[in-house]
Amino acid sequence: MADSKHNLRSVVGLTLLGIATVGTVPVSLATTPVFQKQQAALPPVTALPLSSINEAYTLGAGDQIQLDIFDAPEFSGQNGRFQVLVDGTLNLPLVGSLSVKGLTLKQASNLLSEKFLRFFKRPLTTVTLLAPRPVSVSIAGEINRPGSYTVSLAQQNISSGTQFPTLTSALKLAGGITQAADVRNIQIRRPQRVGGNQTVTVDLWQFLQTGDRQQDLALRDGDSILIPTATNVNLAESAQLADATFAADQGQPITIAVVGEVFRPGSYTVTSDARTGTAGIPGVSTQTTVTQGVNQTTNPLPTVTRALQVAGGIKPMADIRRIQIRRLTRSGEERSIDVNLQRLIKDGDLRQDTILQTGDTVVIPTATNLTPAEASEIASASFSPDTIRINVVGEVKQPGVVQVPPNTPLNQALLAAGGFDPRRARKKSVDLIRLNPDGTVTKREVSIDLARGINDQTNPALRNNDIIVVGRSGLTSFTDGLGTVLSPFNSIFSILNIFGL
């Protein structure tokens, strides 16, 4: 073989292009608790700057390569195509089995040149990657579907280059991050041939704010991704993260619990189209309209107010300033998020209507001191029921159940029942019967003054299932009593009239 006058060099050619979206294969053994315990058992490492990570492609089991040796056609072309075996070795002629796992293409070329030096005077060896192996990564922490994922790379064309799956695409593949994720300190562990794992910290918040694509790191086979739990939840950032491409699909129903001052506390499956009608009876408000041939469907996110709606709406004594969301993190700890819906209805602070996730518990405490003005604001909010049921009985024109808006004063409920019967009603006062939350029943006499506004003494705000009893006037009671006494005699007189006596 002719001697080569050129120095030993390595030429790397990448001919496999396109990003992987072919398949997702979760590993059944990588269930969430076990996987997290394994991650927690790893020795602590110091995260390096993002710029320090080695992004060079390293060989591994499944890679297809082509080996070319200058002036040795028997080791080039079709004859020079090999696949890295499952143990990370190449089975080559002359040199036999050779481990290349964890080597870059340049390092593999140099190693092969050394091995072939026994057979060629100046071997000029080139290793070219023909088909990279599928990328397998593990994802743990605040992700909706933690586990192991395998992504196959699809071959495109030579001019477009080879694109490997990025961090954000892997997070999306795993169902998106949870609302408790700390996206500023995502850790990626990358195995190295020498020196153990290399760990870097990625800040995806910076990626969202500035578009720094360096933060959206290209992944390599064997990478481990850990999304830690945020120590504090920022309501403003929570809304922005929910709109990110690597967030969970908010259109899917979630299961939550709502307790406290709502009409129907309990566990619910909340969709984005919840709405409340009559107190305690959830309804549907999502509307689909067609405008100029375009189907437009409202599809808001599952938030605190929609959870209240699906639970029948808040009660009149709900303290919407101190609503609490109890959230269970992937580590098993419970985090609390404070929400003040008073800011939402008074100042339009949409950050307070925070987005919920599966497993959240919404707690609505009881207000200790609620002014009539505040009660009126709460009653008109979208997360209050549209109507409450009041039973008006006695001397009114239309006795029975009437549906009125929440926080309706007693005078308005009387008018909704047609008003007093002018001939029979006692107009100075009525009896208000109320079922209390502790199961007791109270009854009190309320003086009527139609000229007064909401007042706890003369015109109190009503609650769901209140009963108003309108009594008879003194004259009506006397005449009704007299009619009862004279009723037998009237019957006798009627019989005598029949016989003409």
Protein backbone atom coordinates (compact mmCIF):
# COMPACT_ATOMS: atom_id res chain seq x y z
CA MET A 1 0.00 0.00 0.00
CA ALA A 2 1.31 3.44 -0.86
CA ASP A 3 2.54 5.58 1.97
CA SER A 4 0.52 8.66 2.77
CA LYS A 5 2.41 11.95 3.10
CA HIS A 6 -0.45 13.56 4.99
CA ASN A 7 -0.56 13.83 8.76
CA LEU A 8 -3.09 11.69 10.57
CA ARG A 9 -6.45 13.46 10.60
CA SER A 10 -10.11 12.69 11.29
CA VAL A 11 -13.02 13.77 9.16
CA VAL A 12 -16.46 13.70 10.76
CA GLY A 13 -19.47 13.53 8.45
CA LEU A 14 -22.99 13.67 9.76
CA THR A 15 -25.54 12.54 7.25
CA LEU A 16 -28.47 11.78 9.53
CA LEU A 17 -30.91 14.67 9.79
CA GLY A 18 -34.20 15.70 11.35
CA ILE A 19 -35.60 15.68 14.83
CA ALA A 20 -37.15 12.73 16.55
CA THR A 21 -40.87 12.41 16.97
CA VAL A 22 -41.41 8.82 16.01
CA GLY A 23 -42.20 7.17 19.29
CA THR A 24 -42.42 7.26 23.05
CA VAL A 25 -41.71 4.13 24.98
CA PRO A 26 -42.16 4.53 28.75
CA VAL A 27 -40.25 1.98 30.77
CA SER A 28 -42.71 0.21 33.07
CA LEU A 29 -40.14 -0.30 35.81
CA ALA A 30 -39.47 3.43 36.05
CA THR A 31 -42.56 4.22 38.12
CA THR A 32 -42.64 7.52 39.88
CA PRO A 33 -41.79 6.59 43.52
CA VAL A 34 -39.00 4.17 42.63
CA PHE A 35 -37.55 6.47 40.03
CA GLN A 36 -37.51 9.40 42.44
CA LYS A 37 -35.86 7.32 45.15
CA GLN A 38 -33.14 6.33 42.71
CA GLN A 39 -32.64 9.95 41.75
CA ALA A 40 -32.52 10.96 45.41
CA ALA A 41 -29.96 8.25 46.11
CA LEU A 42 -27.52 9.68 43.59
CA PRO A 43 -24.50 11.38 45.17
CA PRO A 44 -24.74 15.17 45.33
CA VAL A 45 -23.00 16.95 42.51
CA THR A 46 -22.08 20.53 41.82
CA ALA A 47 -23.87 21.84 38.77
CA LEU A 48 -21.58 23.33 36.14
CA PRO A 49 -22.32 26.34 33.91
CA LEU A 50 -24.37 25.51 30.86
CA SER A 51 -21.52 26.47 28.54
CA SER A 52 -19.31 23.77 30.02
CA ILE A 53 -21.40 20.79 28.97
CA ASN A 54 -19.92 18.50 26.38
CA GLU A 55 -22.37 18.48 23.47
CA ALA A 56 -20.19 16.43 21.16
CA TYR A 57 -21.88 13.25 19.99
CA THR A 58 -20.59 10.13 21.65
CA LEU A 59 -20.96 6.63 20.27
CA GLY A 60 -23.12 3.99 21.88
CA ALA A 61 -25.00 0.75 21.27
CA GLY A 62 -27.09 0.94 18.08
CA ASP A 63 -25.05 3.55 16.20
CA GLN A 64 -24.29 2.74 12.56
CA ILE A 65 -20.94 4.04 11.35
CA GLN A 66 -18.80 3.88 8.25
CA LEU A 67 -15.06 3.28 8.50
CA ASP A 68 -12.83 4.56 5.69
CA ILE A 69 -9.06 3.96 5.50
CA PHE A 70 -7.15 5.79 2.80
CA ASP A 71 -5.84 3.45 0.08
CA ALA A 72 -7.60 0.48 1.69
CA PRO A 73 -10.83 -0.04 -0.32
CA GLU A 74 -11.52 -3.32 1.45
CA PHE A 75 -12.22 -1.24 4.60
CA SER A 76 -14.18 1.50 2.85
CA GLY A 77 -17.60 1.94 1.28
CA GLN A 78 -20.08 -0.91 1.83
CA ASN A 79 -17.36 -3.06 3.34
CA GLY A 80 -16.64 -0.43 5.97
CA ARG A 81 -20.14 -0.21 7.47
CA PHE A 82 -20.47 -1.42 11.05
CA GLN A 83 -22.92 -1.17 13.95
CA VAL A 84 -21.95 -0.60 17.56
CA LEU A 85 -23.01 -3.69 19.49
CA VAL A 86 -25.08 -3.75 22.64
CA ASP A 87 -21.94 -3.82 24.81
CA GLY A 88 -20.59 -0.70 23.07
CA THR A 89 -17.97 -2.50 20.96
CA LEU A 90 -17.17 -2.73 17.25
CA ASN A 91 -16.19 -6.08 15.76
CA LEU A 92 -13.59 -5.09 13.15
CA PRO A 93 -11.38 -7.11 10.86
CA LEU A 94 -7.69 -7.35 11.81
CA VAL A 95 -8.10 -5.60 15.19
CA GLY A 96 -11.08 -7.64 16.49
CA SER A 97 -13.43 -6.32 19.20
CA LEU A 98 -12.85 -2.71 20.19
CA SER A 99 -14.85 -0.65 22.72
CA VAL A 100 -15.96 2.74 21.40
CA LYS A 101 -18.76 3.48 23.88
CA GLY A 102 -18.62 7.08 25.07
CA LEU A 103 -16.08 8.15 22.42
CA THR A 104 -16.65 11.04 20.08
CA LEU A 105 -16.20 10.43 16.36
CA LYS A 106 -12.80 12.10 16.46
CA GLN A 107 -11.69 10.04 19.44
CA ALA A 108 -12.89 6.86 17.72
CA SER A 109 -10.97 7.80 14.56
CA ASN A 110 -7.78 8.37 16.56
CA LEU A 111 -8.22 5.08 18.41
CA LEU A 112 -8.76 3.13 15.20
CA SER A 113 -5.73 4.78 13.63
CA GLU A 114 -3.62 3.56 16.54
CA LYS A 115 -5.00 0.04 16.22
CA PHE A 116 -4.52 -0.13 12.44
CA LEU A 117 -0.98 1.25 12.75
CA ARG A 118 0.19 -2.34 13.19
CA PHE A 119 -1.13 -3.19 9.73
CA PHE A 120 -0.68 0.05 7.77
CA LYS A 121 2.31 2.33 7.76
CA ARG A 122 0.35 5.60 7.98
CA PRO A 123 -3.35 4.81 8.24
CA LEU A 124 -5.63 7.75 7.47
CA THR A 125 -8.81 6.66 9.23
CA THR A 126 -12.22 8.38 9.01
CA VAL A 127 -15.27 7.43 11.09
CA THR A 128 -18.59 8.71 9.76
CA LEU A 129 -21.91 8.44 11.59
CA LEU A 130 -24.49 6.96 9.21
CA ALA A 131 -27.45 6.47 11.56
CA PRO A 132 -27.44 7.60 15.17
CA ARG A 133 -29.12 5.39 17.73
CA PRO A 134 -32.44 6.45 19.33
CA VAL A 135 -32.06 8.93 22.17
CA SER A 136 -33.13 7.50 25.54
CA VAL A 137 -33.55 9.94 28.43
CA SER A 138 -35.03 9.73 31.92
CA ILE A 139 -37.19 12.51 33.39
CA ALA A 140 -38.02 12.87 37.09
CA GLY A 141 -39.40 15.47 39.47
CA GLU A 142 -42.20 17.94 38.72
CA ILE A 143 -43.31 16.38 35.46
CA ASN A 144 -46.73 14.89 34.74
CA ARG A 145 -45.47 11.51 33.51
CA PRO A 146 -42.02 10.83 34.99
CA GLY A 147 -40.09 7.90 33.62
CA SER A 148 -37.84 6.82 30.76
CA TYR A 149 -38.45 7.83 27.16
CA THR A 150 -36.93 6.71 23.87
CA VAL A 151 -37.01 8.94 20.81
CA SER A 152 -36.04 7.70 17.35
CA LEU A 153 -34.26 10.06 14.98
CA ALA A 154 -35.68 10.23 11.45
CA GLN A 155 -33.38 10.53 8.45
CA GLN A 156 -34.05 13.61 6.34
CA ASN A 157 -31.62 15.16 3.89
CA ILE A 158 -27.97 16.10 3.99
CA SER A 159 -28.40 19.87 3.71
CA SER A 160 -30.67 20.41 6.72
CA GLY A 161 -28.30 18.97 9.32
CA THR A 162 -28.98 16.66 12.25
CA GLN A 163 -31.22 17.89 15.02
CA PHE A 164 -31.48 16.03 18.31
CA PRO A 165 -34.41 16.32 20.72
CA THR A 166 -34.20 19.34 22.98
CA LEU A 167 -35.06 19.73 26.64
CA THR A 168 -38.42 21.39 25.95
CA SER A 169 -39.47 18.72 23.46
CA ALA A 170 -38.63 16.01 26.01
CA LEU A 171 -40.68 17.77 28.70
CA LYS A 172 -43.61 18.00 26.33
CA LEU A 173 -43.22 14.31 25.51
CA ALA A 174 -43.49 13.51 29.23
CA GLY A 175 -46.80 15.36 29.60
CA GLY A 176 -45.41 18.77 30.51
CA ILE A 177 -44.23 20.27 33.79
CA THR A 178 -46.47 20.58 36.84
CA GLN A 179 -47.49 23.89 38.38
CA ALA A 180 -44.98 23.26 41.18
CA ALA A 181 -41.93 23.03 38.89
CA ASP A 182 -38.86 25.20 39.43
CA VAL A 183 -37.90 25.87 35.81
CA ARG A 184 -34.95 28.04 36.83
CA ASN A 185 -32.94 25.13 38.23
CA ILE A 186 -33.55 22.15 35.97
CA GLN A 187 -30.63 19.73 36.24
CA ILE A 188 -29.33 17.58 33.40
CA ARG A 189 -26.90 14.76 34.19
CA ARG A 190 -24.89 13.51 31.22
CA PRO A 191 -22.75 10.35 31.50
CA GLN A 192 -19.08 10.66 30.59
CA ARG A 193 -16.64 7.92 29.55
CA VAL A 194 -14.19 9.18 32.16
CA GLY A 195 -15.04 11.02 35.37
CA GLY A 196 -18.64 9.95 35.98
CA ASN A 197 -21.63 12.16 35.23
CA GLN A 198 -21.47 15.77 34.13
CA THR A 199 -24.27 17.93 35.60
CA VAL A 200 -25.45 21.32 34.39
CA THR A 201 -28.29 23.64 35.46
CA VAL A 202 -30.69 24.96 32.84
CA ASP A 203 -32.87 28.06 33.29
CA LEU A 204 -35.98 27.70 31.13
CA TRP A 205 -37.45 30.88 32.62
CA GLN A 206 -34.66 32.80 30.91
CA PHE A 207 -35.51 30.89 27.72
CA LEU A 208 -39.13 32.08 27.97
CA GLN A 209 -38.20 35.68 28.75
CA THR A 210 -35.31 36.27 26.35
CA GLY A 211 -35.55 33.45 23.82
CA ASP A 212 -32.06 32.21 24.78
CA ARG A 213 -32.03 28.93 22.84
CA GLN A 214 -28.85 27.87 24.59
CA GLN A 215 -31.06 27.07 27.58
CA ASP A 216 -33.10 24.67 25.43
CA LEU A 217 -30.26 22.18 25.51
CA ALA A 218 -29.98 19.48 22.86
CA LEU A 219 -30.19 16.11 24.59
CA ARG A 220 -27.96 13.10 24.20
CA ASP A 221 -28.59 9.42 24.79
CA GLY A 222 -28.41 8.60 28.50
CA ASP A 223 -29.23 12.09 29.79
CA SER A 224 -31.14 12.32 33.08
CA ILE A 225 -33.43 15.32 33.59
CA LEU A 226 -34.52 16.39 37.09
CA ILE A 227 -37.13 19.14 37.56
CA PRO A 228 -37.01 20.32 41.19
CA THR A 229 -39.94 21.67 43.22
CA ALA A 230 -40.22 25.42 43.55
CA THR A 231 -40.00 26.70 47.12
CA ASN A 232 -42.49 29.50 46.42
CA VAL A 233 -45.17 29.81 43.74
CA ASN A 234 -45.33 33.13 41.92
CA LEU A 235 -48.90 33.63 40.65
CA ALA A 236 -47.76 35.86 37.78
CA GLU A 237 -45.15 33.36 36.60
CA SER A 238 -47.62 30.49 36.99
CA ALA A 239 -49.87 31.94 34.28
CA GLN A 240 -46.93 32.42 31.90
CA LEU A 241 -45.62 28.91 32.45
CA ALA A 242 -49.07 27.49 31.71
CA ASP A 243 -48.85 28.98 28.20
CA ALA A 244 -45.42 27.50 27.47
CA THR A 245 -45.02 24.71 24.93
CA PHE A 246 -43.54 22.43 27.60
CA ALA A 247 -46.46 22.92 30.00
CA ALA A 248 -49.15 20.34 30.61
CA ASP A 249 -52.17 20.18 28.31
CA GLN A 250 -54.63 22.41 30.16
CA GLY A 251 -57.54 21.22 28.04
CA GLN A 252 -57.62 17.89 29.88
CA PRO A 253 -59.99 17.44 32.87
CA ILE A 254 -58.37 17.52 36.31
CA THR A 255 -59.49 16.02 39.61
CA ILE A 256 -59.51 18.33 42.63
CA ALA A 257 -61.23 18.78 45.99
CA VAL A 258 -63.17 21.88 47.09
CA VAL A 259 -63.98 22.31 50.78
CA GLY A 260 -65.27 25.06 53.02
CA GLU A 261 -67.81 27.76 52.20
CA VAL A 262 -69.22 26.33 48.97
CA PHE A 263 -72.67 24.88 48.42
CA ARG A 264 -71.47 21.42 47.39
CA PRO A 265 -68.05 20.61 48.92
CA GLY A 266 -66.32 17.46 47.75
CA SER A 267 -64.18 15.96 45.00
CA TYR A 268 -64.73 17.11 41.41
CA THR A 269 -63.46 16.58 37.92
CA VAL A 270 -63.01 20.11 36.62
CA THR A 271 -63.01 20.98 32.94
CA SER A 272 -62.48 24.39 31.43
CA ASP A 273 -66.20 24.97 30.80
CA ALA A 274 -67.64 24.85 34.32
CA ARG A 275 -70.36 27.28 35.28
CA THR A 276 -72.87 27.65 38.14
CA GLY A 277 -76.61 28.28 37.83
CA THR A 278 -78.88 27.95 40.86
CA ALA A 279 -77.13 27.72 44.24
CA GLY A 280 -75.53 24.32 44.59
CA ILE A 281 -76.44 23.23 41.05
CA PRO A 282 -73.53 23.44 38.58
CA GLY A 283 -74.33 24.34 35.00
CA VAL A 284 -72.48 24.79 31.69
CA SER A 285 -71.52 28.10 30.13
CA THR A 286 -69.11 27.14 27.35
CA GLN A 287 -70.52 28.35 24.03
CA THR A 288 -69.55 27.42 20.51
CA THR A 289 -70.21 29.99 17.81
CA VAL A 290 -69.55 30.06 14.10
CA THR A 291 -68.28 33.34 12.69
CA GLN A 292 -67.61 33.59 8.95
CA GLY A 293 -67.08 29.85 8.71
CA VAL A 294 -64.67 29.70 11.68
CA ASN A 295 -65.58 27.50 14.61
CA GLN A 296 -64.75 29.46 17.76
CA THR A 297 -64.98 27.63 21.08
CA THR A 298 -64.19 29.18 24.42
CA ASN A 299 -61.64 26.97 26.16
CA PRO A 300 -60.27 28.70 29.25
CA LEU A 301 -57.93 27.03 31.72
CA PRO A 302 -59.14 25.16 34.84
CA THR A 303 -58.74 27.84 37.51
CA VAL A 304 -59.86 28.54 41.08
CA THR A 305 -63.04 30.35 40.02
CA ARG A 306 -64.08 27.44 37.79
CA ALA A 307 -63.51 25.06 40.67
CA LEU A 308 -65.83 27.18 42.81
CA GLN A 309 -68.41 27.20 40.05
CA VAL A 310 -68.41 23.43 39.67
CA ALA A 311 -68.83 23.12 43.46
CA GLY A 312 -72.11 25.05 43.27
CA GLY A 313 -70.67 28.50 43.97
CA ILE A 314 -69.53 30.16 47.18
CA LYS A 315 -71.78 30.77 50.15
CA PRO A 316 -72.58 34.31 51.36
CA MET A 317 -70.16 34.01 54.30
CA ALA A 318 -67.17 32.84 52.22
CA ASP A 319 -63.90 34.65 52.94
CA ILE A 320 -62.54 35.06 49.42
CA ARG A 321 -59.52 37.00 50.72
CA ARG A 322 -57.96 33.94 52.34
CA ILE A 323 -58.58 31.12 49.88
CA GLN A 324 -55.85 28.52 50.07
CA ILE A 325 -54.68 25.96 47.53
CA ARG A 326 -53.02 22.90 49.02
CA ARG A 327 -50.79 21.24 46.44
CA LEU A 328 -49.02 17.89 46.80
CA THR A 329 -45.61 17.92 45.13
CA ARG A 330 -43.82 14.96 43.51
CA SER A 331 -41.59 14.68 46.56
CA GLY A 332 -44.65 14.05 48.75
CA GLU A 333 -44.57 17.42 50.49
CA GLU A 334 -47.58 19.73 50.63
CA ARG A 335 -47.24 23.34 49.49
CA SER A 336 -49.78 26.09 50.20
CA ILE A 337 -50.67 28.89 47.80
CA ASP A 338 -52.62 31.90 49.06
CA VAL A 339 -55.23 33.38 46.75
CA ASN A 340 -57.16 36.65 47.25
CA LEU A 341 -60.16 36.72 44.92
CA GLN A 342 -61.19 40.07 46.38
CA ARG A 343 -58.38 41.56 44.29
CA LEU A 344 -59.80 39.82 41.25
CA ILE A 345 -63.32 41.25 41.53
CA LYS A 346 -62.19 44.67 42.79
CA ASP A 347 -58.96 45.39 40.89
CA GLY A 348 -59.15 42.88 38.03
CA ASP A 349 -56.00 41.06 39.21
CA LEU A 350 -56.20 37.93 37.03
CA ARG A 351 -53.12 36.48 38.72
CA GLN A 352 -55.30 35.56 41.69
CA ASP A 353 -57.37 33.22 39.53
CA THR A 354 -54.50 30.78 39.53
CA ILE A 355 -54.40 27.63 37.44
CA LEU A 356 -55.08 24.33 39.18
CA GLN A 357 -53.64 20.88 38.60
CA THR A 358 -54.76 17.37 39.46
CA GLY A 359 -54.61 16.68 43.20
CA ASP A 360 -55.11 20.28 44.35
CA THR A 361 -57.41 21.03 47.29
CA VAL A 362 -59.15 24.42 47.35
CA VAL A 363 -60.07 25.61 50.84
CA ILE A 364 -62.56 28.48 51.32
CA PRO A 365 -62.69 29.71 54.94
CA THR A 366 -65.59 31.46 56.69
CA ALA A 367 -65.55 35.25 56.90
CA THR A 368 -65.68 36.67 60.43
CA ASN A 369 -66.72 40.21 59.52
CA LEU A 370 -68.35 40.92 56.17
CA THR A 371 -69.79 44.35 55.38
CA PRO A 372 -72.96 44.70 53.27
CA ALA A 373 -70.93 46.35 50.49
CA GLU A 374 -68.47 43.45 50.38
CA ALA A 375 -71.30 40.92 50.46
CA SER A 376 -72.90 42.65 47.48
CA GLU A 377 -69.63 42.53 45.50
CA ILE A 378 -69.18 38.83 46.24
CA ALA A 379 -72.77 38.03 45.30
CA SER A 380 -72.30 39.56 41.85
CA ALA A 381 -69.05 37.68 41.14
CA SER A 382 -68.92 34.97 38.48
CA PHE A 383 -68.05 32.30 41.04
CA SER A 384 -71.21 32.98 43.05
CA PRO A 385 -74.41 31.15 42.08
CA ASP A 386 -76.64 33.00 39.65
CA THR A 387 -79.68 32.55 41.90
CA ILE A 388 -80.69 31.34 45.37
CA ARG A 389 -83.99 29.74 46.40
CA ILE A 390 -86.24 31.55 48.89
CA ASN A 391 -89.58 30.17 50.14
CA VAL A 392 -92.19 32.88 50.74
CA VAL A 393 -95.34 31.60 52.46
CA GLY A 394 -98.42 33.24 53.97
CA GLU A 395 -100.30 36.29 52.93
CA VAL A 396 -98.62 37.25 49.67
CA LYS A 397 -100.09 37.31 46.19
CA GLN A 398 -97.88 34.49 44.81
CA PRO A 399 -96.69 32.28 47.68
CA GLY A 400 -94.10 29.57 47.01
CA VAL A 401 -90.44 29.25 46.01
CA VAL A 402 -88.87 32.26 44.29
CA GLN A 403 -85.40 32.41 42.73
CA VAL A 404 -83.52 35.65 43.37
CA PRO A 405 -79.88 36.74 43.00
CA PRO A 406 -77.53 36.06 45.94
CA ASN A 407 -77.48 38.66 48.70
CA THR A 408 -81.01 39.80 47.74
CA PRO A 409 -82.64 41.85 50.56
CA LEU A 410 -85.83 40.64 52.20
CA ASN A 411 -87.94 43.47 50.71
CA GLN A 412 -86.99 42.41 47.18
CA ALA A 413 -87.94 38.78 47.86
CA LEU A 414 -91.39 39.92 49.05
CA LEU A 415 -91.86 41.86 45.82
CA ALA A 416 -90.72 38.82 43.80
CA ALA A 417 -93.60 36.90 45.44
CA GLY A 418 -96.09 39.55 44.27
CA GLY A 419 -96.00 41.67 47.42
CA PHE A 420 -98.37 41.65 50.38
CA ASP A 421 -102.00 40.63 49.98
CA PRO A 422 -103.53 44.07 50.58
CA ARG A 423 -106.63 42.68 52.34
CA ARG A 424 -105.11 40.00 54.55
CA ALA A 425 -101.36 40.57 55.18
CA ARG A 426 -99.74 41.94 58.31
CA LYS A 427 -97.50 44.55 56.74
CA LYS A 428 -95.56 45.76 59.74
CA SER A 429 -93.40 42.66 60.20
CA VAL A 430 -92.64 39.16 58.90
CA ASP A 431 -90.96 36.09 60.34
CA LEU A 432 -87.59 35.01 58.89
CA ILE A 433 -86.72 31.34 59.42
CA ARG A 434 -83.12 30.30 58.66
CA LEU A 435 -81.32 26.96 58.67
CA ASN A 436 -77.85 27.52 60.11
CA PRO A 437 -74.69 25.65 58.97
CA ASP A 438 -74.53 23.80 62.30
CA GLY A 439 -78.01 22.32 61.74
CA THR A 440 -79.91 24.62 64.09
CA VAL A 441 -82.89 26.71 63.04
CA THR A 442 -83.41 30.34 64.01
CA LYS A 443 -86.59 32.37 63.78
CA ARG A 444 -86.84 36.09 64.22
CA GLU A 445 -89.33 38.82 63.57
CA VAL A 446 -88.23 41.47 61.12
CA SER A 447 -89.87 44.87 60.98
CA ILE A 448 -90.69 45.90 57.43
CA ASP A 449 -89.62 49.25 56.09
CA LEU A 450 -89.79 49.33 52.30
CA ALA A 451 -87.93 52.65 52.23
CA ARG A 452 -84.76 51.20 53.82
CA GLY A 453 -81.82 49.66 51.99
CA ILE A 454 -79.99 46.50 53.07
CA ASN A 455 -80.05 46.49 56.84
CA ASP A 456 -79.69 43.52 59.17
CA GLN A 457 -82.54 44.76 61.37
CA THR A 458 -85.21 45.83 58.90
CA ASN A 459 -84.08 44.53 55.51
CA PRO A 460 -81.49 41.70 55.90
CA ALA A 461 -79.74 40.02 53.00
CA LEU A 462 -81.16 36.57 52.39
CA ARG A 463 -79.40 33.22 52.13
CA ASN A 464 -80.23 30.13 50.17
CA ASN A 465 -83.30 28.22 51.51
CA ASP A 466 -84.45 31.04 53.81
CA ILE A 467 -88.17 31.01 54.60
CA ILE A 468 -90.24 34.20 54.88
CA VAL A 469 -93.55 33.86 56.68
CA VAL A 470 -96.08 36.69 56.12
CA GLY A 471 -98.74 36.60 58.82
CA ARG A 472 -102.33 37.75 58.80
CA SER A 473 -103.44 41.16 59.93
CA GLY A 474 -105.45 41.48 63.17
CA LEU A 475 -108.71 42.07 61.34
CA THR A 476 -108.08 39.10 59.04
CA SER A 477 -107.32 36.87 62.02
CA PHE A 478 -110.54 38.00 63.74
CA THR A 479 -112.74 37.44 60.68
CA ASP A 480 -111.11 34.09 59.94
CA GLY A 481 -111.66 33.06 63.56
CA LEU A 482 -115.26 34.25 63.52
CA GLY A 483 -115.85 32.36 60.27
CA THR A 484 -114.52 29.22 61.90
CA VAL A 485 -116.89 29.60 64.87
CA LEU A 486 -119.94 30.34 62.70
CA SER A 487 -119.16 27.66 60.12
CA PRO A 488 -121.39 24.94 61.76
CA PHE A 489 -124.34 27.35 62.01
CA ASN A 490 -123.91 28.33 58.36
CA SER A 491 -124.20 24.66 57.44
CA ILE A 492 -127.47 24.30 59.43
CA PHE A 493 -128.94 27.42 57.82
CA SER A 494 -128.02 26.06 54.37
CA ILE A 495 -129.88 22.78 55.08
CA LEU A 496 -132.99 24.66 56.32
CA ASN A 497 -132.96 26.78 53.19
CA ILE A 498 -133.03 23.62 51.09
CA PHE A 499 -136.26 22.43 52.72
CA GLY A 500 -137.79 25.90 52.75
CA LEU A 501 -137.91 26.08 56.53
